[in-house]
Amino acid sequence: MVKKCKLKKEVLAKLQKELLKKRARLTGNVEKLESESFMNSQKDYSGDISSGYKTHMADIGSDASGMELMLGLASNQQKLLQQVNDALKRIEDGTYGYCSACGKAIPQARLEAIPEAELCLNCADK
């Protein structure tokens, strides 16, 4: 039997609004990070050396490391974005607010702090 959310409608609406804002922000972050990473990699590999200097091997390594860092950040943002989207889906289907591991209600304070939380504190600690 699937439990239905027991949060008050106004609390649920507030949390949904926060999740929608977070989704918009994360989407922008992911797009910006991916775009910057792509633009930097295109510039680096295009062979455009407008300054007349050859690229030093250490610079190439630093650029690759920077691109890897940006892609890692984008990946982390994408994971968080997926968690937010999953939480919004749980709101839609009425199962928001219950731990996906043990089925117990997630305290409202936890949801207000981390609205995309899928686990209660006990299960998250495990």
C-alpha atoms as a PDB file:
ATOM      1  CA  MET A   1       0.000   0.000   0.000  1.00  0.00           C
ATOM      2  CA  VAL A   2       1.377   3.405  -1.026  1.00  0.00           C
ATOM      3  CA  LYS A   3       1.173   6.084   1.654  1.00  0.00           C
ATOM      4  CA  LYS A   4      -0.111   9.497   0.627  1.00  0.00           C
ATOM      5  CA  CYS A   5       1.565  12.716   1.708  1.00  0.00           C
ATOM      6  CA  LYS A   6       0.287  14.025   5.047  1.00  0.00           C
ATOM      7  CA  LEU A   7       1.799  17.525   4.777  1.00  0.00           C
ATOM      8  CA  LYS A   8      -0.604  20.441   4.846  1.00  0.00           C
ATOM      9  CA  LYS A   9      -1.467  21.732   1.381  1.00  0.00           C
ATOM     10  CA  GLU A  10       0.149  25.123   2.015  1.00  0.00           C
ATOM     11  CA  VAL A  11       3.391  23.497   3.245  1.00  0.00           C
ATOM     12  CA  LEU A  12       3.426  21.163   0.250  1.00  0.00           C
ATOM     13  CA  ALA A  13       2.810  24.097  -2.115  1.00  0.00           C
ATOM     14  CA  LYS A  14       5.696  26.030  -0.528  1.00  0.00           C
ATOM     15  CA  LEU A  15       8.050  23.068  -0.899  1.00  0.00           C
ATOM     16  CA  GLN A  16       6.950  22.516  -4.489  1.00  0.00           C
ATOM     17  CA  LYS A  17       7.639  26.179  -5.262  1.00  0.00           C
ATOM     18  CA  GLU A  18      11.130  25.856  -3.742  1.00  0.00           C
ATOM     19  CA  LEU A  19      11.795  22.733  -5.792  1.00  0.00           C
ATOM     20  CA  LEU A  20      10.705  24.486  -8.996  1.00  0.00           C
ATOM     21  CA  LYS A  21      13.039  27.415  -8.251  1.00  0.00           C
ATOM     22  CA  LYS A  22      15.862  24.997  -7.505  1.00  0.00           C
ATOM     23  CA  ARG A  23      15.199  23.136 -10.756  1.00  0.00           C
ATOM     24  CA  ALA A  24      15.380  26.355 -12.768  1.00  0.00           C
ATOM     25  CA  ARG A  25      18.630  27.368 -11.066  1.00  0.00           C
ATOM     26  CA  LEU A  26      20.213  23.931 -11.519  1.00  0.00           C
ATOM     27  CA  THR A  27      19.184  23.745 -15.163  1.00  0.00           C
ATOM     28  CA  GLY A  28      20.880  27.082 -15.770  1.00  0.00           C
ATOM     29  CA  ASN A  29      23.993  25.961 -13.896  1.00  0.00           C
ATOM     30  CA  VAL A  30      24.286  22.733 -15.876  1.00  0.00           C
ATOM     31  CA  GLU A  31      23.809  24.503 -19.199  1.00  0.00           C
ATOM     32  CA  LYS A  32      26.379  27.172 -18.289  1.00  0.00           C
ATOM     33  CA  LEU A  33      28.990  24.670 -17.087  1.00  0.00           C
ATOM     34  CA  GLU A  34      28.567  22.455 -20.131  1.00  0.00           C
ATOM     35  CA  SER A  35      28.653  25.433 -22.471  1.00  0.00           C
ATOM     36  CA  GLU A  36      31.787  26.894 -20.881  1.00  0.00           C
ATOM     37  CA  SER A  37      33.500  23.524 -20.927  1.00  0.00           C
ATOM     38  CA  PHE A  38      32.610  23.004 -24.580  1.00  0.00           C
ATOM     39  CA  MET A  39      33.682  26.537 -25.569  1.00  0.00           C
ATOM     40  CA  ASN A  40      37.028  26.155 -23.776  1.00  0.00           C
ATOM     41  CA  SER A  41      37.666  22.755 -25.327  1.00  0.00           C
ATOM     42  CA  GLN A  42      36.838  24.070 -28.817  1.00  0.00           C
ATOM     43  CA  LYS A  43      39.224  26.985 -28.357  1.00  0.00           C
ATOM     44  CA  ASP A  44      41.966  24.739 -26.973  1.00  0.00           C
ATOM     45  CA  TYR A  45      41.743  22.175 -29.742  1.00  0.00           C
ATOM     46  CA  SER A  46      41.113  24.518 -32.663  1.00  0.00           C
ATOM     47  CA  GLY A  47      44.802  25.277 -33.000  1.00  0.00           C
ATOM     48  CA  ASP A  48      44.102  29.001 -32.718  1.00  0.00           C
ATOM     49  CA  ILE A  49      47.238  30.464 -31.231  1.00  0.00           C
ATOM     50  CA  SER A  50      46.544  34.126 -31.815  1.00  0.00           C
ATOM     51  CA  SER A  51      49.296  35.267 -29.478  1.00  0.00           C
ATOM     52  CA  GLY A  52      52.019  33.706 -31.637  1.00  0.00           C
ATOM     53  CA  TYR A  53      53.262  31.512 -28.803  1.00  0.00           C
ATOM     54  CA  LYS A  54      53.227  27.780 -28.805  1.00  0.00           C
ATOM     55  CA  THR A  55      51.133  26.163 -26.111  1.00  0.00           C
ATOM     56  CA  HIS A  56      53.195  24.708 -23.289  1.00  0.00           C
ATOM     57  CA  MET A  57      52.483  21.127 -22.231  1.00  0.00           C
ATOM     58  CA  ALA A  58      51.770  22.258 -18.649  1.00  0.00           C
ATOM     59  CA  ASP A  59      49.153  24.674 -19.978  1.00  0.00           C
ATOM     60  CA  ILE A  60      47.490  21.877 -21.908  1.00  0.00           C
ATOM     61  CA  GLY A  61      47.393  19.773 -18.730  1.00  0.00           C
ATOM     62  CA  SER A  62      45.940  22.648 -16.715  1.00  0.00           C
ATOM     63  CA  ASP A  63      43.308  23.264 -19.369  1.00  0.00           C
ATOM     64  CA  ALA A  64      42.361  19.579 -19.431  1.00  0.00           C
ATOM     65  CA  SER A  65      42.189  19.521 -15.647  1.00  0.00           C
ATOM     66  CA  GLY A  66      39.981  22.616 -15.644  1.00  0.00           C
ATOM     67  CA  MET A  67      37.674  21.087 -18.253  1.00  0.00           C
ATOM     68  CA  GLU A  68      37.465  17.868 -16.234  1.00  0.00           C
ATOM     69  CA  LEU A  69      36.578  19.883 -13.127  1.00  0.00           C
ATOM     70  CA  MET A  70      33.826  21.766 -14.986  1.00  0.00           C
ATOM     71  CA  LEU A  71      32.381  18.540 -16.351  1.00  0.00           C
ATOM     72  CA  GLY A  72      32.482  17.016 -12.854  1.00  0.00           C
ATOM     73  CA  LEU A  73      30.617  20.014 -11.471  1.00  0.00           C
ATOM     74  CA  ALA A  74      28.068  19.734 -14.270  1.00  0.00           C
ATOM     75  CA  SER A  75      27.628  16.032 -13.483  1.00  0.00           C
ATOM     76  CA  ASN A  76      27.019  16.792  -9.796  1.00  0.00           C
ATOM     77  CA  GLN A  77      24.499  19.471 -10.725  1.00  0.00           C
ATOM     78  CA  GLN A  78      22.753  17.010 -13.051  1.00  0.00           C
ATOM     79  CA  LYS A  79      22.468  14.459 -10.231  1.00  0.00           C
ATOM     80  CA  LEU A  80      20.950  17.067  -7.939  1.00  0.00           C
ATOM     81  CA  LEU A  81      18.622  18.151 -10.740  1.00  0.00           C
ATOM     82  CA  GLN A  82      17.445  14.534 -11.079  1.00  0.00           C
ATOM     83  CA  GLN A  83      16.770  14.387  -7.330  1.00  0.00           C
ATOM     84  CA  VAL A  84      14.709  17.575  -7.592  1.00  0.00           C
ATOM     85  CA  ASN A  85      12.759  16.201 -10.564  1.00  0.00           C
ATOM     86  CA  ASP A  86      12.136  12.963  -8.654  1.00  0.00           C
ATOM     87  CA  ALA A  87      10.825  14.948  -5.666  1.00  0.00           C
ATOM     88  CA  LEU A  88       8.479  16.917  -7.925  1.00  0.00           C
ATOM     89  CA  LYS A  89       7.198  13.642  -9.362  1.00  0.00           C
ATOM     90  CA  ARG A  90       6.560  12.328  -5.828  1.00  0.00           C
ATOM     91  CA  ILE A  91       4.550  15.484  -5.109  1.00  0.00           C
ATOM     92  CA  GLU A  92       2.486  14.859  -8.247  1.00  0.00           C
ATOM     93  CA  ASP A  93       1.757  11.244  -7.393  1.00  0.00           C
ATOM     94  CA  GLY A  94       1.088  12.004  -3.721  1.00  0.00           C
ATOM     95  CA  THR A  95       3.938   9.988  -2.222  1.00  0.00           C
ATOM     96  CA  TYR A  96       6.160  12.942  -1.277  1.00  0.00           C
ATOM     97  CA  GLY A  97       7.345  13.045   2.323  1.00  0.00           C
ATOM     98  CA  TYR A  98       7.918   9.338   2.901  1.00  0.00           C
ATOM     99  CA  CYS A  99      11.294   7.594   3.079  1.00  0.00           C
ATOM    100  CA  SER A 100      11.899   5.467   0.007  1.00  0.00           C
ATOM    101  CA  ALA A 101      13.862   2.931   2.091  1.00  0.00           C
ATOM    102  CA  CYS A 102      11.768   2.358   5.224  1.00  0.00           C
ATOM    103  CA  GLY A 103       8.453   3.995   4.303  1.00  0.00           C
ATOM    104  CA  LYS A 104       8.292   6.196   7.412  1.00  0.00           C
ATOM    105  CA  ALA A 105       7.329   9.851   7.184  1.00  0.00           C
ATOM    106  CA  ILE A 106      10.216  12.245   6.646  1.00  0.00           C
ATOM    107  CA  PRO A 107      10.017  15.054   9.243  1.00  0.00           C
ATOM    108  CA  GLN A 108       8.780  18.370   7.873  1.00  0.00           C
ATOM    109  CA  ALA A 109      11.911  20.139   9.185  1.00  0.00           C
ATOM    110  CA  ARG A 110      14.096  17.852   7.038  1.00  0.00           C
ATOM    111  CA  LEU A 111      11.961  18.486   3.973  1.00  0.00           C
ATOM    112  CA  GLU A 112      12.125  22.226   4.559  1.00  0.00           C
ATOM    113  CA  ALA A 113      15.923  22.018   4.809  1.00  0.00           C
ATOM    114  CA  ILE A 114      16.333  19.592   1.892  1.00  0.00           C
ATOM    115  CA  PRO A 115      13.089  19.536  -0.111  1.00  0.00           C
ATOM    116  CA  GLU A 116      14.421  16.879  -2.493  1.00  0.00           C
ATOM    117  CA  ALA A 117      15.153  14.484   0.406  1.00  0.00           C
ATOM    118  CA  GLU A 118      14.143  10.944  -0.411  1.00  0.00           C
ATOM    119  CA  LEU A 119      15.336   9.315   2.817  1.00  0.00           C
ATOM    120  CA  CYS A 120      14.624   9.910   6.494  1.00  0.00           C
ATOM    121  CA  LEU A 121      17.626  10.773   8.687  1.00  0.00           C
ATOM    122  CA  ASN A 122      18.026   7.200   9.971  1.00  0.00           C
ATOM    123  CA  CYS A 123      18.164   5.723   6.473  1.00  0.00           C
ATOM    124  CA  ALA A 124      20.357   8.556   5.164  1.00  0.00           C
ATOM    125  CA  ASP A 125      22.853   7.886   7.978  1.00  0.00           C
ATOM    126  CA  LYS A 126      23.075   4.220   6.997  1.00  0.00           C
END
